PDB file of N, CA and C in Angstrom:
ATOM      1  N   MET A   1      -0.466 -13.664   0.067  1.00  0.00           N
ATOM      2  CA  MET A   1       0.119 -12.814  -0.952  1.00  0.00           C
ATOM      3  C   MET A   1       0.253 -13.645  -2.215  1.00  0.00           C
ATOM      4  N   HIS A   2      -0.202 -13.066  -3.305  1.00  0.00           N
ATOM      5  CA  HIS A   2      -0.109 -13.707  -4.610  1.00  0.00           C
ATOM      6  C   HIS A   2       0.677 -12.790  -5.529  1.00  0.00           C
ATOM      7  N   ARG A   3       1.527 -13.397  -6.375  1.00  0.00           N
ATOM      8  CA  ARG A   3       2.311 -12.602  -7.317  1.00  0.00           C
ATOM      9  C   ARG A   3       2.327 -13.302  -8.664  1.00  0.00           C
ATOM     10  N   ALA A   4       2.463 -12.524  -9.702  1.00  0.00           N
ATOM     11  CA  ALA A   4       2.606 -13.072 -11.053  1.00  0.00           C
ATOM     12  C   ALA A   4       3.198 -11.991 -11.936  1.00  0.00           C
ATOM     13  N   GLU A   5       3.742 -12.406 -13.075  1.00  0.00           N
ATOM     14  CA  GLU A   5       4.300 -11.446 -14.009  1.00  0.00           C
ATOM     15  C   GLU A   5       3.205 -10.631 -14.691  1.00  0.00           C
ATOM     16  N   ARG A   6       2.040 -11.226 -14.865  1.00  0.00           N
ATOM     17  CA  ARG A   6       0.932 -10.547 -15.535  1.00  0.00           C
ATOM     18  C   ARG A   6      -0.262 -10.508 -14.586  1.00  0.00           C
ATOM     19  N   ALA A   7      -0.877  -9.345 -14.497  1.00  0.00           N
ATOM     20  CA  ALA A   7      -1.998  -9.173 -13.572  1.00  0.00           C
ATOM     21  C   ALA A   7      -3.220  -9.978 -13.986  1.00  0.00           C
ATOM     22  N   ASP A   8      -3.442 -10.131 -15.287  1.00  0.00           N
ATOM     23  CA  ASP A   8      -4.636 -10.855 -15.720  1.00  0.00           C
ATOM     24  C   ASP A   8      -4.593 -12.328 -15.326  1.00  0.00           C
ATOM     25  N   ALA A   9      -3.404 -12.860 -15.065  1.00  0.00           N
ATOM     26  CA  ALA A   9      -3.294 -14.244 -14.614  1.00  0.00           C
ATOM     27  C   ALA A   9      -3.805 -14.413 -13.187  1.00  0.00           C
ATOM     28  N   LEU A  10      -3.863 -13.337 -12.440  1.00  0.00           N
ATOM     29  CA  LEU A  10      -4.270 -13.418 -11.038  1.00  0.00           C
ATOM     30  C   LEU A  10      -5.743 -13.101 -10.801  1.00  0.00           C
ATOM     31  N   VAL A  11      -6.428 -12.540 -11.769  1.00  0.00           N
ATOM     32  CA  VAL A  11      -7.800 -12.066 -11.545  1.00  0.00           C
ATOM     33  C   VAL A  11      -8.733 -13.206 -11.173  1.00  0.00           C
ATOM     34  N   GLU A  12      -8.687 -14.311 -11.888  1.00  0.00           N
ATOM     35  CA  GLU A  12      -9.586 -15.434 -11.578  1.00  0.00           C
ATOM     36  C   GLU A  12      -9.309 -15.992 -10.186  1.00  0.00           C
ATOM     37  N   ALA A  13      -8.037 -16.141  -9.835  1.00  0.00           N
ATOM     38  CA  ALA A  13      -7.699 -16.648  -8.495  1.00  0.00           C
ATOM     39  C   ALA A  13      -8.159 -15.675  -7.417  1.00  0.00           C
ATOM     40  N   LEU A  14      -7.980 -14.399  -7.660  1.00  0.00           N
ATOM     41  CA  LEU A  14      -8.436 -13.393  -6.707  1.00  0.00           C
ATOM     42  C   LEU A  14      -9.953 -13.390  -6.600  1.00  0.00           C
ATOM     43  N   GLY A  15     -10.629 -13.535  -7.733  1.00  0.00           N
ATOM     44  CA  GLY A  15     -12.084 -13.619  -7.724  1.00  0.00           C
ATOM     45  C   GLY A  15     -12.570 -14.804  -6.912  1.00  0.00           C
ATOM     46  N   ALA A  16     -11.878 -15.930  -7.020  1.00  0.00           N
ATOM     47  CA  ALA A  16     -12.251 -17.114  -6.236  1.00  0.00           C
ATOM     48  C   ALA A  16     -12.086 -16.859  -4.744  1.00  0.00           C
ATOM     49  N   VAL A  17     -11.031 -16.156  -4.382  1.00  0.00           N
ATOM     50  CA  VAL A  17     -10.816 -15.827  -2.964  1.00  0.00           C
ATOM     51  C   VAL A  17     -11.905 -14.889  -2.470  1.00  0.00           C
ATOM     52  N   LEU A  18     -12.253 -13.894  -3.267  1.00  0.00           N
ATOM     53  CA  LEU A  18     -13.251 -12.916  -2.852  1.00  0.00           C
ATOM     54  C   LEU A  18     -14.675 -13.478  -2.866  1.00  0.00           C
ATOM     55  N   ARG A  19     -14.927 -14.525  -3.660  1.00  0.00           N
ATOM     56  CA  ARG A  19     -16.259 -15.129  -3.697  1.00  0.00           C
ATOM     57  C   ARG A  19     -16.599 -15.863  -2.409  1.00  0.00           C
ATOM     58  N   SER A  20     -15.614 -16.377  -1.708  1.00  0.00           N
ATOM     59  CA  SER A  20     -15.903 -17.080  -0.458  1.00  0.00           C
ATOM     60  C   SER A  20     -16.340 -16.058   0.589  1.00  0.00           C
ATOM     61  N   ALA A  21     -17.415 -16.378   1.274  1.00  0.00           N
ATOM     62  CA  ALA A  21     -17.987 -15.437   2.247  1.00  0.00           C
ATOM     63  C   ALA A  21     -17.099 -15.329   3.484  1.00  0.00           C
ATOM     64  N   PRO A  22     -16.748 -14.106   3.889  1.00  0.00           N
ATOM     65  CA  PRO A  22     -15.936 -13.940   5.099  1.00  0.00           C
ATOM     66  C   PRO A  22     -16.793 -14.142   6.358  1.00  0.00           C
ATOM     67  N   ALA A  23     -16.141 -14.390   7.476  1.00  0.00           N
ATOM     68  CA  ALA A  23     -16.861 -14.553   8.741  1.00  0.00           C
ATOM     69  C   ALA A  23     -17.612 -13.283   9.099  1.00  0.00           C
ATOM     70  N   ASP A  24     -16.991 -12.144   8.854  1.00  0.00           N
ATOM     71  CA  ASP A  24     -17.635 -10.851   9.104  1.00  0.00           C
ATOM     72  C   ASP A  24     -18.068 -10.278   7.754  1.00  0.00           C
ATOM     73  N   PRO A  25     -19.369 -10.165   7.499  1.00  0.00           N
ATOM     74  CA  PRO A  25     -19.805  -9.679   6.186  1.00  0.00           C
ATOM     75  C   PRO A  25     -19.432  -8.223   5.905  1.00  0.00           C
ATOM     76  N   PHE A  26     -19.055  -7.474   6.942  1.00  0.00           N
ATOM     77  CA  PHE A  26     -18.673  -6.076   6.756  1.00  0.00           C
ATOM     78  C   PHE A  26     -17.159  -5.891   6.715  1.00  0.00           C
ATOM     79  N   ALA A  27     -16.415  -6.979   6.722  1.00  0.00           N
ATOM     80  CA  ALA A  27     -14.949  -6.899   6.663  1.00  0.00           C
ATOM     81  C   ALA A  27     -14.530  -6.374   5.296  1.00  0.00           C
ATOM     82  N   ILE A  28     -13.568  -5.498   5.305  1.00  0.00           N
ATOM     83  CA  ILE A  28     -13.063  -4.901   4.064  1.00  0.00           C
ATOM     84  C   ILE A  28     -11.917  -5.756   3.542  1.00  0.00           C
ATOM     85  N   ASP A  29     -11.953  -6.064   2.260  1.00  0.00           N
ATOM     86  CA  ASP A  29     -10.858  -6.787   1.621  1.00  0.00           C
ATOM     87  C   ASP A  29      -9.808  -5.783   1.181  1.00  0.00           C
ATOM     88  N   VAL A  30      -8.536  -6.115   1.397  1.00  0.00           N
ATOM     89  CA  VAL A  30      -7.434  -5.219   1.059  1.00  0.00           C
ATOM     90  C   VAL A  30      -6.585  -5.882  -0.022  1.00  0.00           C
ATOM     91  N   ILE A  31      -6.407  -5.157  -1.128  1.00  0.00           N
ATOM     92  CA  ILE A  31      -5.610  -5.648  -2.247  1.00  0.00           C
ATOM     93  C   ILE A  31      -4.621  -4.555  -2.621  1.00  0.00           C
ATOM     94  N   ALA A  32      -3.339  -4.807  -2.448  1.00  0.00           N
ATOM     95  CA  ALA A  32      -2.311  -3.817  -2.783  1.00  0.00           C
ATOM     96  C   ALA A  32      -2.108  -3.770  -4.295  1.00  0.00           C
ATOM     97  N   VAL A  33      -2.098  -2.564  -4.837  1.00  0.00           N
ATOM     98  CA  VAL A  33      -1.877  -2.362  -6.267  1.00  0.00           C
ATOM     99  C   VAL A  33      -0.844  -1.251  -6.455  1.00  0.00           C
ATOM    100  N   PRO A  34      -0.076  -1.305  -7.543  1.00  0.00           N
ATOM    101  CA  PRO A  34       0.977  -0.316  -7.732  1.00  0.00           C
ATOM    102  C   PRO A  34       0.517   1.037  -8.251  1.00  0.00           C
ATOM    103  N   ALA A  35      -0.676   1.110  -8.869  1.00  0.00           N
ATOM    104  CA  ALA A  35      -1.115   2.372  -9.470  1.00  0.00           C
ATOM    105  C   ALA A  35      -2.636   2.421  -9.548  1.00  0.00           C
ATOM    106  N   ARG A  36      -3.169   3.644  -9.686  1.00  0.00           N
ATOM    107  CA  ARG A  36      -4.621   3.828  -9.762  1.00  0.00           C
ATOM    108  C   ARG A  36      -5.205   3.165 -11.014  1.00  0.00           C
ATOM    109  N   GLY A  37      -4.469   3.154 -12.089  1.00  0.00           N
ATOM    110  CA  GLY A  37      -4.946   2.497 -13.299  1.00  0.00           C
ATOM    111  C   GLY A  37      -5.144   1.006 -13.100  1.00  0.00           C
ATOM    112  N   VAL A  38      -4.227   0.394 -12.373  1.00  0.00           N
ATOM    113  CA  VAL A  38      -4.350  -1.032 -12.061  1.00  0.00           C
ATOM    114  C   VAL A  38      -5.573  -1.255 -11.178  1.00  0.00           C
ATOM    115  N   GLU A  39      -5.806  -0.346 -10.254  1.00  0.00           N
ATOM    116  CA  GLU A  39      -6.993  -0.443  -9.390  1.00  0.00           C
ATOM    117  C   GLU A  39      -8.266  -0.426 -10.228  1.00  0.00           C
ATOM    118  N   ARG A  40      -8.358   0.499 -11.150  1.00  0.00           N
ATOM    119  CA  ARG A  40      -9.558   0.587 -11.993  1.00  0.00           C
ATOM    120  C   ARG A  40      -9.740  -0.667 -12.832  1.00  0.00           C
ATOM    121  N   TRP A  41      -8.660  -1.114 -13.456  1.00  0.00           N
ATOM    122  CA  TRP A  41      -8.728  -2.304 -14.296  1.00  0.00           C
ATOM    123  C   TRP A  41      -9.129  -3.515 -13.468  1.00  0.00           C
ATOM    124  N   LEU A  42      -8.517  -3.669 -12.307  1.00  0.00           N
ATOM    125  CA  LEU A  42      -8.807  -4.817 -11.453  1.00  0.00           C
ATOM    126  C   LEU A  42     -10.247  -4.782 -10.950  1.00  0.00           C
ATOM    127  N   THR A  43     -10.749  -3.609 -10.598  1.00  0.00           N
ATOM    128  CA  THR A  43     -12.138  -3.479 -10.166  1.00  0.00           C
ATOM    129  C   THR A  43     -13.087  -3.916 -11.282  1.00  0.00           C
ATOM    130  N   GLN A  44     -12.809  -3.501 -12.492  1.00  0.00           N
ATOM    131  CA  GLN A  44     -13.654  -3.889 -13.621  1.00  0.00           C
ATOM    132  C   GLN A  44     -13.596  -5.388 -13.874  1.00  0.00           C
ATOM    133  N   ARG A  45     -12.399  -5.955 -13.841  1.00  0.00           N
ATOM    134  CA  ARG A  45     -12.250  -7.401 -14.087  1.00  0.00           C
ATOM    135  C   ARG A  45     -12.914  -8.207 -12.970  1.00  0.00           C
ATOM    136  N   LEU A  46     -12.758  -7.771 -11.732  1.00  0.00           N
ATOM    137  CA  LEU A  46     -13.379  -8.497 -10.619  1.00  0.00           C
ATOM    138  C   LEU A  46     -14.894  -8.426 -10.687  1.00  0.00           C
ATOM    139  N   SER A  47     -15.428  -7.319 -11.145  1.00  0.00           N
ATOM    140  CA  SER A  47     -16.886  -7.223 -11.248  1.00  0.00           C
ATOM    141  C   SER A  47     -17.428  -8.239 -12.245  1.00  0.00           C
ATOM    142  N   HIS A  48     -16.636  -8.614 -13.234  1.00  0.00           N
ATOM    143  CA  HIS A  48     -17.084  -9.626 -14.189  1.00  0.00           C
ATOM    144  C   HIS A  48     -17.081 -11.028 -13.579  1.00  0.00           C
ATOM    145  N   CYS A  49     -16.127 -11.324 -12.719  1.00  0.00           N
ATOM    146  CA  CYS A  49     -16.073 -12.690 -12.174  1.00  0.00           C
ATOM    147  C   CYS A  49     -16.778 -12.811 -10.825  1.00  0.00           C
ATOM    148  N   LEU A  50     -17.270 -11.717 -10.267  1.00  0.00           N
ATOM    149  CA  LEU A  50     -17.999 -11.788  -9.002  1.00  0.00           C
ATOM    150  C   LEU A  50     -19.515 -11.706  -9.201  1.00  0.00           C
ATOM    151  N   GLY A  51     -19.975 -11.744 -10.426  1.00  0.00           N
ATOM    152  CA  GLY A  51     -21.401 -11.620 -10.711  1.00  0.00           C
ATOM    153  C   GLY A  51     -22.191 -12.836 -10.254  1.00  0.00           C
ATOM    154  N   ALA A  52     -23.485 -12.663 -10.181  1.00  0.00           N
ATOM    155  CA  ALA A  52     -24.374 -13.764  -9.823  1.00  0.00           C
ATOM    156  C   ALA A  52     -24.281 -14.841 -10.896  1.00  0.00           C
ATOM    157  N   GLU A  53     -24.004 -16.028 -10.479  1.00  0.00           N
ATOM    158  CA  GLU A  53     -23.871 -17.168 -11.394  1.00  0.00           C
ATOM    159  C   GLU A  53     -22.854 -16.892 -12.491  1.00  0.00           C
ATOM    160  N   ARG A  54     -21.883 -16.076 -12.179  1.00  0.00           N
ATOM    161  CA  ARG A  54     -20.776 -15.757 -13.082  1.00  0.00           C
ATOM    162  C   ARG A  54     -21.269 -15.242 -14.434  1.00  0.00           C
ATOM    163  N   SER A  55     -22.312 -14.446 -14.390  1.00  0.00           N
ATOM    164  CA  SER A  55     -22.875 -13.904 -15.627  1.00  0.00           C
ATOM    165  C   SER A  55     -22.200 -12.610 -16.057  1.00  0.00           C
ATOM    166  N   GLY A  56     -21.238 -12.137 -15.279  1.00  0.00           N
ATOM    167  CA  GLY A  56     -20.534 -10.911 -15.642  1.00  0.00           C
ATOM    168  C   GLY A  56     -21.252  -9.650 -15.222  1.00  0.00           C
ATOM    169  N   ASP A  57     -22.237  -9.786 -14.340  1.00  0.00           N
ATOM    170  CA  ASP A  57     -23.004  -8.610 -13.926  1.00  0.00           C
ATOM    171  C   ASP A  57     -22.726  -8.239 -12.478  1.00  0.00           C
ATOM    172  N   GLY A  58     -21.564  -8.573 -11.971  1.00  0.00           N
ATOM    173  CA  GLY A  58     -21.268  -8.351 -10.553  1.00  0.00           C
ATOM    174  C   GLY A  58     -20.814  -6.954 -10.233  1.00  0.00           C
ATOM    175  N   VAL A  59     -20.568  -6.770  -8.953  1.00  0.00           N
ATOM    176  CA  VAL A  59     -20.098  -5.499  -8.431  1.00  0.00           C
ATOM    177  C   VAL A  59     -18.904  -5.798  -7.533  1.00  0.00           C
ATOM    178  N   CYS A  60     -17.872  -5.041  -7.701  1.00  0.00           N
ATOM    179  CA  CYS A  60     -16.708  -5.156  -6.825  1.00  0.00           C
ATOM    180  C   CYS A  60     -16.858  -4.080  -5.758  1.00  0.00           C
ATOM    181  N   ALA A  61     -17.268  -4.490  -4.557  1.00  0.00           N
ATOM    182  CA  ALA A  61     -17.536  -3.525  -3.493  1.00  0.00           C
ATOM    183  C   ALA A  61     -16.869  -3.964  -2.198  1.00  0.00           C
ATOM    184  N   ASN A  62     -16.672  -2.999  -1.305  1.00  0.00           N
ATOM    185  CA  ASN A  62     -16.054  -3.215   0.007  1.00  0.00           C
ATOM    186  C   ASN A  62     -14.631  -3.754  -0.134  1.00  0.00           C
ATOM    187  N   VAL A  63     -13.939  -3.260  -1.139  1.00  0.00           N
ATOM    188  CA  VAL A  63     -12.552  -3.628  -1.387  1.00  0.00           C
ATOM    189  C   VAL A  63     -11.756  -2.328  -1.459  1.00  0.00           C
ATOM    190  N   VAL A  64     -10.640  -2.264  -0.751  1.00  0.00           N
ATOM    191  CA  VAL A  64      -9.755  -1.096  -0.844  1.00  0.00           C
ATOM    192  C   VAL A  64      -8.478  -1.513  -1.554  1.00  0.00           C
ATOM    193  N   PHE A  65      -7.902  -0.588  -2.291  1.00  0.00           N
ATOM    194  CA  PHE A  65      -6.728  -0.846  -3.106  1.00  0.00           C
ATOM    195  C   PHE A  65      -5.610   0.138  -2.744  1.00  0.00           C
ATOM    196  N   PRO A  66      -4.972  -0.020  -1.591  1.00  0.00           N
ATOM    197  CA  PRO A  66      -3.891   0.908  -1.243  1.00  0.00           C
ATOM    198  C   PRO A  66      -2.611   0.561  -2.000  1.00  0.00           C
ATOM    199  N   PRO A  67      -1.750   1.553  -2.208  1.00  0.00           N
ATOM    200  CA  PRO A  67      -0.438   1.234  -2.773  1.00  0.00           C
ATOM    201  C   PRO A  67       0.377   0.473  -1.719  1.00  0.00           C
ATOM    202  N   PRO A  68       1.352  -0.307  -2.148  1.00  0.00           N
ATOM    203  CA  PRO A  68       2.140  -1.099  -1.186  1.00  0.00           C
ATOM    204  C   PRO A  68       2.782  -0.254  -0.086  1.00  0.00           C
ATOM    205  N   THR A  69       3.224   0.963  -0.395  1.00  0.00           N
ATOM    206  CA  THR A  69       3.864   1.785   0.633  1.00  0.00           C
ATOM    207  C   THR A  69       2.881   2.149   1.742  1.00  0.00           C
ATOM    208  N   ARG A  70       1.655   2.473   1.372  1.00  0.00           N
ATOM    209  CA  ARG A  70       0.656   2.801   2.393  1.00  0.00           C
ATOM    210  C   ARG A  70       0.261   1.564   3.185  1.00  0.00           C
ATOM    211  N   LEU A  71       0.193   0.427   2.523  1.00  0.00           N
ATOM    212  CA  LEU A  71      -0.135  -0.821   3.205  1.00  0.00           C
ATOM    213  C   LEU A  71       0.922  -1.144   4.258  1.00  0.00           C
ATOM    214  N   VAL A  72       2.188  -0.989   3.900  1.00  0.00           N
ATOM    215  CA  VAL A  72       3.274  -1.238   4.853  1.00  0.00           C
ATOM    216  C   VAL A  72       3.240  -0.214   5.977  1.00  0.00           C
ATOM    217  N   ALA A  73       3.015   1.057   5.649  1.00  0.00           N
ATOM    218  CA  ALA A  73       2.956   2.098   6.682  1.00  0.00           C
ATOM    219  C   ALA A  73       1.813   1.832   7.661  1.00  0.00           C
ATOM    220  N   ASP A  74       0.666   1.406   7.149  1.00  0.00           N
ATOM    221  CA  ASP A  74      -0.463   1.097   8.024  1.00  0.00           C
ATOM    222  C   ASP A  74      -0.166  -0.121   8.901  1.00  0.00           C
ATOM    223  N   ALA A  75       0.505  -1.120   8.341  1.00  0.00           N
ATOM    224  CA  ALA A  75       0.865  -2.309   9.125  1.00  0.00           C
ATOM    225  C   ALA A  75       1.867  -1.959  10.223  1.00  0.00           C
ATOM    226  N   VAL A  76       2.860  -1.136   9.893  1.00  0.00           N
ATOM    227  CA  VAL A  76       3.841  -0.709  10.896  1.00  0.00           C
ATOM    228  C   VAL A  76       3.156   0.127  11.973  1.00  0.00           C
ATOM    229  N   ALA A  77       2.246   0.997  11.567  1.00  0.00           N
ATOM    230  CA  ALA A  77       1.517   1.823  12.532  1.00  0.00           C
ATOM    231  C   ALA A  77       0.680   0.951  13.458  1.00  0.00           C
ATOM    232  N   ALA A  78       0.032  -0.061  12.907  1.00  0.00           N
ATOM    233  CA  ALA A  78      -0.781  -0.948  13.747  1.00  0.00           C
ATOM    234  C   ALA A  78       0.091  -1.755  14.704  1.00  0.00           C
ATOM    235  N   ALA A  79       1.258  -2.187  14.244  1.00  0.00           N
ATOM    236  CA  ALA A  79       2.144  -2.987  15.089  1.00  0.00           C
ATOM    237  C   ALA A  79       2.847  -2.147  16.151  1.00  0.00           C
ATOM    238  N   SER A  80       3.190  -0.906  15.826  1.00  0.00           N
ATOM    239  CA  SER A  80       3.950  -0.073  16.754  1.00  0.00           C
ATOM    240  C   SER A  80       3.068   0.794  17.638  1.00  0.00           C
ATOM    241  N   GLY A  81       1.823   0.980  17.227  1.00  0.00           N
ATOM    242  CA  GLY A  81       0.930   1.849  17.986  1.00  0.00           C
ATOM    243  C   GLY A  81       1.112   3.323  17.664  1.00  0.00           C
ATOM    244  N   ILE A  82       1.971   3.638  16.697  1.00  0.00           N
ATOM    245  CA  ILE A  82       2.203   5.021  16.271  1.00  0.00           C
ATOM    246  C   ILE A  82       1.384   5.265  15.017  1.00  0.00           C
ATOM    247  N   ASP A  83       0.592   6.329  15.017  1.00  0.00           N
ATOM    248  CA  ASP A  83      -0.214   6.668  13.852  1.00  0.00           C
ATOM    249  C   ASP A  83       0.704   6.951  12.671  1.00  0.00           C
ATOM    250  N   ALA A  84       0.324   6.466  11.493  1.00  0.00           N
ATOM    251  CA  ALA A  84       1.147   6.652  10.298  1.00  0.00           C
ATOM    252  C   ALA A  84       1.391   8.131  10.001  1.00  0.00           C
ATOM    253  N   ALA A  85       0.440   8.995  10.328  1.00  0.00           N
ATOM    254  CA  ALA A  85       0.612  10.429  10.087  1.00  0.00           C
ATOM    255  C   ALA A  85       1.625  11.053  11.044  1.00  0.00           C
ATOM    256  N   ASP A  86       1.853  10.429  12.199  1.00  0.00           N
ATOM    257  CA  ASP A  86       2.785  10.954  13.192  1.00  0.00           C
ATOM    258  C   ASP A  86       4.094  10.179  13.252  1.00  0.00           C
ATOM    259  N   ASP A  87       4.324   9.267  12.332  1.00  0.00           N
ATOM    260  CA  ASP A  87       5.520   8.429  12.342  1.00  0.00           C
ATOM    261  C   ASP A  87       6.776   9.281  12.169  1.00  0.00           C
ATOM    262  N   PRO A  88       7.670   9.285  13.166  1.00  0.00           N
ATOM    263  CA  PRO A  88       8.875  10.112  13.035  1.00  0.00           C
ATOM    264  C   PRO A  88       9.849   9.588  11.973  1.00  0.00           C
ATOM    265  N   TRP A  89       9.692   8.352  11.535  1.00  0.00           N
ATOM    266  CA  TRP A  89      10.579   7.784  10.524  1.00  0.00           C
ATOM    267  C   TRP A  89      10.027   7.940   9.109  1.00  0.00           C
ATOM    268  N   ALA A  90       8.872   8.543   8.964  1.00  0.00           N
ATOM    269  CA  ALA A  90       8.328   8.779   7.622  1.00  0.00           C
ATOM    270  C   ALA A  90       9.265   9.720   6.872  1.00  0.00           C
ATOM    271  N   PRO A  91       9.548   9.450   5.602  1.00  0.00           N
ATOM    272  CA  PRO A  91      10.515  10.270   4.857  1.00  0.00           C
ATOM    273  C   PRO A  91      10.215  11.762   4.884  1.00  0.00           C
ATOM    274  N   GLU A  92       8.942  12.139   4.790  1.00  0.00           N
ATOM    275  CA  GLU A  92       8.625  13.573   4.771  1.00  0.00           C
ATOM    276  C   GLU A  92       8.875  14.237   6.127  1.00  0.00           C
ATOM    277  N   ARG A  93       8.872  13.485   7.216  1.00  0.00           N
ATOM    278  CA  ARG A  93       9.177  14.037   8.539  1.00  0.00           C
ATOM    279  C   ARG A  93      10.668  13.927   8.854  1.00  0.00           C
ATOM    280  N   LEU A  94      11.267  12.839   8.464  1.00  0.00           N
ATOM    281  CA  LEU A  94      12.666  12.571   8.777  1.00  0.00           C
ATOM    282  C   LEU A  94      13.608  13.557   8.100  1.00  0.00           C
ATOM    283  N   LEU A  95      13.229  14.041   6.943  1.00  0.00           N
ATOM    284  CA  LEU A  95      14.065  14.971   6.186  1.00  0.00           C
ATOM    285  C   LEU A  95      14.448  16.198   7.007  1.00  0.00           C
ATOM    286  N   TRP A  96      13.472  16.823   7.666  1.00  0.00           N
ATOM    287  CA  TRP A  96      13.744  18.047   8.412  1.00  0.00           C
ATOM    288  C   TRP A  96      14.601  17.776   9.635  1.00  0.00           C
ATOM    289  N   THR A  97      14.413  16.646  10.279  1.00  0.00           N
ATOM    290  CA  THR A  97      15.247  16.283  11.425  1.00  0.00           C
ATOM    291  C   THR A  97      16.687  16.074  10.983  1.00  0.00           C
ATOM    292  N   LEU A  98      16.874  15.370   9.878  1.00  0.00           N
ATOM    293  CA  LEU A  98      18.238  15.131   9.384  1.00  0.00           C
ATOM    294  C   LEU A  98      18.907  16.422   8.926  1.00  0.00           C
ATOM    295  N   LEU A  99      18.162  17.321   8.305  1.00  0.00           N
ATOM    296  CA  LEU A  99      18.748  18.595   7.904  1.00  0.00           C
ATOM    297  C   LEU A  99      19.185  19.418   9.113  1.00  0.00           C
ATOM    298  N   ALA A 100      18.423  19.358  10.198  1.00  0.00           N
ATOM    299  CA  ALA A 100      18.815  20.061  11.419  1.00  0.00           C
ATOM    300  C   ALA A 100      20.088  19.463  12.001  1.00  0.00           C
ATOM    301  N   VAL A 101      20.218  18.147  11.967  1.00  0.00           N
ATOM    302  CA  VAL A 101      21.433  17.488  12.464  1.00  0.00           C
ATOM    303  C   VAL A 101      22.618  17.863  11.596  1.00  0.00           C
ATOM    304  N   VAL A 102      22.442  17.881  10.286  1.00  0.00           N
ATOM    305  CA  VAL A 102      23.537  18.268   9.384  1.00  0.00           C
ATOM    306  C   VAL A 102      23.960  19.702   9.649  1.00  0.00           C
ATOM    307  N   ASP A 103      23.018  20.612   9.833  1.00  0.00           N
ATOM    308  CA  ASP A 103      23.352  22.007  10.133  1.00  0.00           C
ATOM    309  C   ASP A 103      24.118  22.130  11.442  1.00  0.00           C
ATOM    310  N   ASP A 104      23.694  21.377  12.461  1.00  0.00           N
ATOM    311  CA  ASP A 104      24.356  21.435  13.762  1.00  0.00           C
ATOM    312  C   ASP A 104      25.746  20.816  13.740  1.00  0.00           C
ATOM    313  N   CYS A 105      25.966  19.831  12.881  1.00  0.00           N
ATOM    314  CA  CYS A 105      27.217  19.072  12.890  1.00  0.00           C
ATOM    315  C   CYS A 105      28.121  19.370  11.694  1.00  0.00           C
ATOM    316  N   ALA A 106      27.824  20.401  10.940  1.00  0.00           N
ATOM    317  CA  ALA A 106      28.614  20.683   9.735  1.00  0.00           C
ATOM    318  C   ALA A 106      30.082  20.943  10.042  1.00  0.00           C
ATOM    319  N   GLY A 107      30.393  21.439  11.232  1.00  0.00           N
ATOM    320  CA  GLY A 107      31.784  21.708  11.592  1.00  0.00           C
ATOM    321  C   GLY A 107      32.513  20.514  12.198  1.00  0.00           C
ATOM    322  N   GLU A 108      31.826  19.445  12.446  1.00  0.00           N
ATOM    323  CA  GLU A 108      32.439  18.250  13.053  1.00  0.00           C
ATOM    324  C   GLU A 108      33.320  17.527  12.029  1.00  0.00           C
ATOM    325  N   PRO A 109      34.405  16.901  12.498  1.00  0.00           N
ATOM    326  CA  PRO A 109      35.295  16.201  11.563  1.00  0.00           C
ATOM    327  C   PRO A 109      34.614  15.052  10.813  1.00  0.00           C
ATOM    328  N   TRP A 110      33.701  14.332  11.470  1.00  0.00           N
ATOM    329  CA  TRP A 110      33.052  13.202  10.821  1.00  0.00           C
ATOM    330  C   TRP A 110      32.078  13.645   9.731  1.00  0.00           C
ATOM    331  N   CYS A 111      31.741  14.925   9.714  1.00  0.00           N
ATOM    332  CA  CYS A 111      30.786  15.457   8.743  1.00  0.00           C
ATOM    333  C   CYS A 111      31.476  16.338   7.689  1.00  0.00           C
ATOM    334  N   ALA A 112      32.803  16.289   7.629  1.00  0.00           N
ATOM    335  CA  ALA A 112      33.555  17.184   6.751  1.00  0.00           C
ATOM    336  C   ALA A 112      33.247  16.960   5.275  1.00  0.00           C
ATOM    337  N   VAL A 113      33.137  15.712   4.855  1.00  0.00           N
ATOM    338  CA  VAL A 113      32.886  15.413   3.438  1.00  0.00           C
ATOM    339  C   VAL A 113      31.507  15.965   3.035  1.00  0.00           C
ATOM    340  N   LEU A 114      30.517  15.748   3.888  1.00  0.00           N
ATOM    341  CA  LEU A 114      29.163  16.244   3.594  1.00  0.00           C
ATOM    342  C   LEU A 114      29.150  17.779   3.611  1.00  0.00           C
ATOM    343  N   ALA A 115      29.864  18.394   4.563  1.00  0.00           N
ATOM    344  CA  ALA A 115      29.910  19.853   4.643  1.00  0.00           C
ATOM    345  C   ALA A 115      30.549  20.443   3.379  1.00  0.00           C
ATOM    346  N   ARG A 116      31.611  19.809   2.878  1.00  0.00           N
ATOM    347  CA  ARG A 116      32.250  20.280   1.648  1.00  0.00           C
ATOM    348  C   ARG A 116      31.289  20.142   0.466  1.00  0.00           C
ATOM    349  N   HIS A 117      30.561  19.067   0.448  1.00  0.00           N
ATOM    350  CA  HIS A 117      29.604  18.829  -0.645  1.00  0.00           C
ATOM    351  C   HIS A 117      28.502  19.892  -0.638  1.00  0.00           C
ATOM    352  N   LEU A 118      28.003  20.206   0.548  1.00  0.00           N
ATOM    353  CA  LEU A 118      26.927  21.191   0.649  1.00  0.00           C
ATOM    354  C   LEU A 118      27.465  22.604   0.454  1.00  0.00           C
TER     355      LEU A 118
END
């Protein structure tokens, strides 16, 4: 993992890492980026430093740029064996379960403050 305050400071270092040949030539490189615009900019900058003899005529290929949240979700899914789409702790799935619990427990004393709020 590499971090810096400015993305352009990392492009040359990242290019050096990507220039080294991997053991598996079909292995996909994964680079987490915060936004699609950063992905586009980084792809363009990497294509300049990955060119033949550094002439700026390269291609940035076989690289995926997931957002950090998807990268973490995929890592958790791989470690737990639960598919990211079926993860019961995913916010979009957890919401409905929690709402059902709140509805069932609205009359309980421990849920009185939340029941008054709702």
